[in-house]
Amino acid sequence: MTALKLALQKSGRLSDDSLALLKRCGLNFDFPKGRLIVPCDDFPIDLLMVRDDDIPNYVGNAACDMGIVGYDVFREHELTVNNDRNIVKILRRIGFGRCRLSIAIPEKFEWQGLESLNNKRIATSHVASLKRFLKESSINASVIEMSGAVEIAPGMGLADAICDLVSSGATLRSNGLREVAKVYESEAVLIAQGNESPLLQTHLDRFLLRLDGVLKAQGSRYIMMNAKRQAVADISRVAPGLSEPTVMPLAGTTDRVAIHMVAAENVFWETLEKLKAFGATDILVLPIEKMME
């Protein structure tokens, strides 16, 4: 049976989250040690466990049908390799692995805005992205390519600043650097070339249906509460749902009802306080594992 081929990072910051996402989509895999091609037990899809930098090339050259990779890796491919024969596009933004590509400088660097980078040396492993950013910002700086440990470049005298991925910023601070400009936000994305056969397109549509159900559920919550019937409209405005709420009469009373709804976003304490102010009681907020419209 012809199966989709999905490239994943074999190790690194996105690997575990990618596998967990696939399991939530109902896909089960057996991972013998050292195996690089892993078939799914119950869905027509095979995993290719490869280096993350290689994933866009595998997809672009039709060695696999899709891949999960950081937006930063996709962006480098887009700026350097994408052409009429090798077009890779984003199918879905997945959400985990959030970080940002930023420019950072030593604490002693006198920063007066982006113009301070003119005639400076900037070390990075994201060469194409940085060059595009500097060009669009009309900054004339030298880009020094480094494959790893970019944050040590200023201290070693190799560069005046760096451009690197930042999440918490702890690594920058521990190396005496501070973030001064953001190039773009990054997260895990699902990429594909988009030239599937009818059979593979059917498999892809089934996979995307499952994926969309999981992704939508991640940002939604199921809310249950009791309130007076006349408060239903106010409550719906405070916690807007994906559709109209379910309203059911409570036993033994004529003016109070049970309200069930699926909130389209996370529910914060401030929201609960507003629901309480409209007379809602016995409020329960539950996570949702998967959804299908």
Protein backbone atom coordinates (compact mmCIF):
# COMPACT_ATOMS: atom_id res chain seq x y z
CA MET A 1 0.00 0.00 0.00
CA THR A 2 1.39 3.39 -0.99
CA ALA A 3 2.08 5.48 2.10
CA LEU A 4 2.81 9.15 2.73
CA LYS A 5 6.37 9.92 3.77
CA LEU A 6 6.74 12.40 6.64
CA ALA A 7 10.20 13.72 7.54
CA LEU A 8 10.87 14.47 11.22
CA GLN A 9 13.86 15.70 13.15
CA LYS A 10 15.55 12.55 14.45
CA SER A 11 16.80 14.32 17.57
CA GLY A 12 16.64 17.83 18.93
CA ARG A 13 14.18 20.38 20.24
CA LEU A 14 11.28 19.47 17.92
CA SER A 15 11.63 15.67 17.85
CA ASP A 16 9.75 14.68 21.00
CA ASP A 17 6.97 17.24 20.47
CA SER A 18 6.49 16.08 16.87
CA LEU A 19 6.12 12.45 17.91
CA ALA A 20 3.73 13.39 20.72
CA LEU A 21 1.61 15.34 18.22
CA LEU A 22 1.40 12.35 15.88
CA LYS A 23 0.32 10.12 18.75
CA ARG A 24 -2.47 12.57 19.58
CA CYS A 25 -3.50 12.22 15.93
CA GLY A 26 -3.96 8.49 16.56
CA LEU A 27 -0.79 7.33 14.79
CA ASN A 28 1.22 4.55 16.42
CA PHE A 29 4.86 3.76 15.62
CA ASP A 30 7.37 1.14 16.71
CA PHE A 31 10.90 2.57 16.96
CA PRO A 32 13.64 -0.10 16.76
CA LYS A 33 16.95 1.46 17.74
CA GLY A 34 18.74 3.18 14.87
CA ARG A 35 15.92 2.79 12.36
CA LEU A 36 15.62 5.79 10.03
CA ILE A 37 12.42 4.79 8.18
CA VAL A 38 9.57 3.91 10.53
CA PRO A 39 6.18 2.71 9.19
CA CYS A 40 2.97 3.56 11.01
CA ASP A 41 1.07 0.58 12.41
CA ASP A 42 -2.44 1.86 11.65
CA PHE A 43 -2.24 4.63 9.03
CA PRO A 44 -0.67 4.87 5.54
CA ILE A 45 2.29 7.01 6.58
CA ASP A 46 6.02 6.36 7.07
CA LEU A 47 8.35 8.50 9.16
CA LEU A 48 11.79 9.51 7.88
CA MET A 49 14.03 10.39 10.83
CA VAL A 50 16.58 12.89 9.47
CA ARG A 51 18.51 16.07 10.35
CA ASP A 52 16.24 19.10 10.59
CA ASP A 53 18.32 21.12 8.10
CA ASP A 54 17.75 18.39 5.49
CA ILE A 55 13.95 18.25 5.81
CA PRO A 56 13.10 21.09 3.36
CA ASN A 57 15.42 19.53 0.76
CA TYR A 58 13.80 16.10 1.18
CA VAL A 59 10.39 17.68 0.67
CA GLY A 60 11.48 19.99 -2.14
CA ASN A 61 13.06 17.12 -4.07
CA ALA A 62 10.02 14.85 -3.53
CA ALA A 63 12.00 12.34 -1.47
CA CYS A 64 9.20 12.72 1.06
CA ASP A 65 5.72 14.24 0.89
CA MET A 66 5.82 16.51 3.95
CA GLY A 67 7.91 17.37 6.98
CA ILE A 68 7.73 19.00 10.40
CA VAL A 69 10.45 21.58 10.90
CA GLY A 70 11.10 24.93 12.54
CA TYR A 71 9.97 27.98 10.59
CA ASP A 72 13.55 29.27 10.76
CA VAL A 73 14.81 26.23 8.81
CA PHE A 74 11.98 26.59 6.28
CA ARG A 75 12.76 30.29 5.89
CA GLU A 76 16.44 29.64 5.15
CA HIS A 77 15.41 27.13 2.48
CA GLU A 78 12.84 29.53 1.07
CA LEU A 79 15.44 32.28 0.67
CA THR A 80 18.21 30.11 -0.77
CA VAL A 81 16.75 27.09 -2.58
CA ASN A 82 13.09 27.59 -3.50
CA ASN A 83 12.62 27.78 -7.26
CA ASP A 84 10.09 26.66 -9.87
CA ARG A 85 11.17 23.01 -9.47
CA ASN A 86 11.70 23.00 -5.74
CA ILE A 87 8.81 24.88 -4.16
CA VAL A 88 8.12 24.09 -0.51
CA LYS A 89 5.11 25.63 1.19
CA ILE A 90 3.69 25.72 4.70
CA LEU A 91 0.56 23.62 5.16
CA ARG A 92 0.02 24.28 8.86
CA ARG A 93 1.60 26.26 11.69
CA ILE A 94 1.76 23.78 14.53
CA GLY A 95 2.59 25.99 17.50
CA PHE A 96 5.20 24.20 19.59
CA GLY A 97 8.90 25.08 19.51
CA ARG A 98 8.11 28.79 19.70
CA CYS A 99 11.12 31.08 19.66
CA ARG A 100 12.38 34.09 17.73
CA LEU A 101 15.34 34.91 15.55
CA SER A 102 16.87 37.99 17.12
CA ILE A 103 19.94 40.17 17.00
CA ALA A 104 21.85 40.46 20.29
CA ILE A 105 24.80 42.62 21.32
CA PRO A 106 27.27 42.69 24.23
CA GLU A 107 26.16 44.71 27.25
CA LYS A 108 28.88 47.29 26.62
CA PHE A 109 27.75 47.87 23.02
CA GLU A 110 26.33 51.39 22.62
CA TRP A 111 22.94 50.81 20.98
CA GLN A 112 21.21 53.69 19.18
CA GLY A 113 18.92 51.59 17.00
CA LEU A 114 19.53 49.40 13.96
CA GLU A 115 21.84 52.04 12.49
CA SER A 116 24.34 51.02 15.17
CA LEU A 117 24.96 47.83 13.18
CA ASN A 118 26.37 49.68 10.17
CA ASN A 119 29.92 48.50 9.41
CA LYS A 120 29.71 45.88 12.20
CA ARG A 121 30.25 42.11 12.05
CA ILE A 122 27.28 39.88 12.90
CA ALA A 123 27.73 36.14 13.47
CA THR A 124 24.87 33.78 12.65
CA SER A 125 23.88 30.36 11.34
CA HIS A 126 20.81 31.93 9.68
CA VAL A 127 22.73 33.70 6.94
CA ALA A 128 19.96 34.16 4.36
CA SER A 129 17.43 35.43 6.90
CA LEU A 130 19.86 37.91 8.38
CA LYS A 131 21.00 39.20 4.99
CA ARG A 132 17.38 39.76 3.94
CA PHE A 133 16.63 41.58 7.20
CA LEU A 134 19.68 43.83 6.87
CA LYS A 135 18.87 44.62 3.24
CA GLU A 136 15.26 45.51 4.05
CA SER A 137 16.48 47.66 6.96
CA SER A 138 19.13 49.41 4.77
CA ILE A 139 21.93 48.27 7.09
CA ASN A 140 25.44 47.68 5.72
CA ALA A 141 27.00 45.01 7.95
CA SER A 142 29.23 41.98 7.45
CA VAL A 143 27.59 38.58 8.01
CA ILE A 144 29.85 35.90 9.47
CA GLU A 145 28.52 32.35 9.09
CA MET A 146 28.85 30.05 12.11
CA SER A 147 27.32 26.59 12.46
CA GLY A 148 27.05 26.54 16.25
CA ALA A 149 27.79 28.32 19.55
CA VAL A 150 27.08 31.67 17.92
CA GLU A 151 26.77 33.38 21.32
CA ILE A 152 30.51 33.09 22.00
CA ALA A 153 31.51 35.03 18.85
CA PRO A 154 31.62 38.54 20.43
CA GLY A 155 33.62 37.32 23.42
CA MET A 156 36.13 35.63 21.10
CA GLY A 157 36.52 38.79 19.04
CA LEU A 158 34.97 37.14 15.97
CA ALA A 159 31.97 39.46 15.72
CA ASP A 160 30.43 42.60 17.18
CA ALA A 161 26.92 41.12 17.45
CA ILE A 162 25.06 37.88 16.83
CA CYS A 163 21.79 36.78 15.22
CA ASP A 164 20.43 33.61 16.79
CA LEU A 165 17.29 31.84 17.98
CA VAL A 166 16.06 33.02 21.38
CA SER A 167 13.44 31.49 23.64
CA SER A 168 13.88 32.55 27.27
CA GLY A 169 17.00 34.65 26.70
CA ALA A 170 18.90 32.86 29.47
CA THR A 171 21.71 31.79 27.14
CA LEU A 172 22.20 35.36 25.96
CA ARG A 173 22.35 36.71 29.50
CA SER A 174 24.81 34.04 30.61
CA ASN A 175 27.13 35.15 27.82
CA GLY A 176 26.81 38.87 28.55
CA LEU A 177 24.49 39.60 25.62
CA ARG A 178 21.19 41.42 25.33
CA GLU A 179 18.49 41.16 22.68
CA VAL A 180 17.93 44.36 20.69
CA ALA A 181 16.03 43.50 17.50
CA LYS A 182 13.71 40.70 16.36
CA VAL A 183 14.02 39.36 12.82
CA TYR A 184 10.96 37.07 12.98
CA GLU A 185 9.00 34.68 15.18
CA SER A 186 9.51 30.95 14.69
CA GLU A 187 7.55 27.81 15.54
CA ALA A 188 7.14 24.29 14.22
CA VAL A 189 5.45 24.12 10.81
CA LEU A 190 4.19 21.34 8.55
CA ILE A 191 5.63 21.77 5.05
CA ALA A 192 4.91 20.04 1.74
CA GLN A 193 5.59 20.39 -1.96
CA GLY A 194 1.97 19.97 -3.02
CA ASN A 195 2.23 17.69 -6.07
CA GLU A 196 0.60 14.53 -4.69
CA SER A 197 -1.00 11.73 -6.68
CA PRO A 198 -4.78 11.34 -6.14
CA LEU A 199 -4.21 8.41 -3.75
CA LEU A 200 -1.58 10.22 -1.66
CA GLN A 201 -3.73 13.35 -1.66
CA THR A 202 -6.54 11.28 -0.12
CA HIS A 203 -4.16 10.08 2.62
CA LEU A 204 -2.93 13.65 3.13
CA ASP A 205 -6.46 14.99 3.48
CA ARG A 206 -7.20 12.34 6.12
CA PHE A 207 -4.04 13.22 8.02
CA LEU A 208 -4.77 16.96 7.90
CA LEU A 209 -8.30 16.33 9.18
CA ARG A 210 -6.86 14.61 12.24
CA LEU A 211 -4.14 17.22 12.68
CA ASP A 212 -6.62 20.10 12.49
CA GLY A 213 -8.77 18.40 15.12
CA VAL A 214 -5.82 18.14 17.51
CA LEU A 215 -4.55 21.67 16.85
CA LYS A 216 -7.97 23.22 17.33
CA ALA A 217 -8.48 21.29 20.56
CA GLN A 218 -5.15 22.56 21.96
CA GLY A 219 -6.43 26.13 21.98
CA SER A 220 -9.97 25.38 23.14
CA ARG A 221 -11.64 24.56 26.45
CA TYR A 222 -14.94 22.95 27.40
CA ILE A 223 -16.81 25.06 29.96
CA MET A 224 -19.72 23.93 32.12
CA MET A 225 -21.59 26.15 34.59
CA ASN A 226 -24.97 26.91 36.10
CA ALA A 227 -26.61 30.34 35.88
CA LYS A 228 -29.90 32.16 35.59
CA ARG A 229 -31.51 31.84 32.16
CA GLN A 230 -31.49 35.61 31.58
CA ALA A 231 -27.67 35.65 32.00
CA VAL A 232 -26.99 33.33 29.03
CA ALA A 233 -26.46 36.17 26.54
CA ASP A 234 -24.02 38.01 28.83
CA ILE A 235 -22.10 34.81 29.57
CA SER A 236 -21.81 34.02 25.85
CA ARG A 237 -20.20 37.42 25.26
CA VAL A 238 -17.67 36.89 28.06
CA ALA A 239 -16.64 33.42 26.86
CA PRO A 240 -17.45 33.26 23.13
CA GLY A 241 -17.83 29.70 21.89
CA LEU A 242 -17.21 28.02 18.57
CA SER A 243 -21.00 27.77 18.26
CA GLU A 244 -24.07 28.61 20.31
CA PRO A 245 -23.95 27.22 23.87
CA THR A 246 -26.00 24.25 24.97
CA VAL A 247 -28.57 25.39 27.55
CA MET A 248 -30.44 22.81 29.65
CA PRO A 249 -32.96 23.35 32.47
CA LEU A 250 -31.84 22.35 35.95
CA ALA A 251 -34.03 19.90 37.84
CA GLY A 252 -36.22 21.46 40.51
CA THR A 253 -36.00 25.06 39.25
CA THR A 254 -37.54 27.13 36.49
CA ASP A 255 -35.16 30.07 36.24
CA ARG A 256 -31.72 28.40 36.41
CA VAL A 257 -30.04 26.45 33.62
CA ALA A 258 -26.90 24.45 32.91
CA ILE A 259 -24.70 26.01 30.23
CA HIS A 260 -22.15 24.00 28.23
CA MET A 261 -19.90 25.59 25.63
CA VAL A 262 -16.63 25.11 23.76
CA ALA A 263 -14.53 28.25 24.16
CA ALA A 264 -12.45 29.16 21.14
CA GLU A 265 -9.44 30.09 23.28
CA ASN A 266 -7.89 29.41 26.67
CA VAL A 267 -9.92 30.48 29.67
CA PHE A 268 -8.09 32.70 32.12
CA TRP A 269 -8.89 33.60 35.73
CA GLU A 270 -10.14 37.01 34.61
CA THR A 271 -12.73 35.26 32.43
CA LEU A 272 -13.90 33.13 35.35
CA GLU A 273 -14.25 36.24 37.50
CA LYS A 274 -16.46 37.86 34.85
CA LEU A 275 -18.61 34.71 34.59
CA LYS A 276 -18.99 34.75 38.37
CA ALA A 277 -20.05 38.40 38.25
CA PHE A 278 -22.91 37.43 35.91
CA GLY A 279 -24.13 34.88 38.44
CA ALA A 280 -22.48 31.73 37.08
CA THR A 281 -21.80 29.01 39.67
CA ASP A 282 -20.23 25.53 39.71
CA ILE A 283 -17.93 26.55 36.84
CA LEU A 284 -15.80 23.77 35.35
CA VAL A 285 -13.13 24.29 32.68
CA LEU A 286 -11.87 21.13 30.97
CA PRO A 287 -9.19 20.49 28.33
CA ILE A 288 -10.24 19.00 24.99
CA GLU A 289 -8.23 16.16 23.47
CA LYS A 290 -9.49 16.39 19.88
CA MET A 291 -12.24 18.11 17.88
CA MET A 292 -13.95 17.57 14.53
CA GLU A 293 -16.53 19.92 13.03
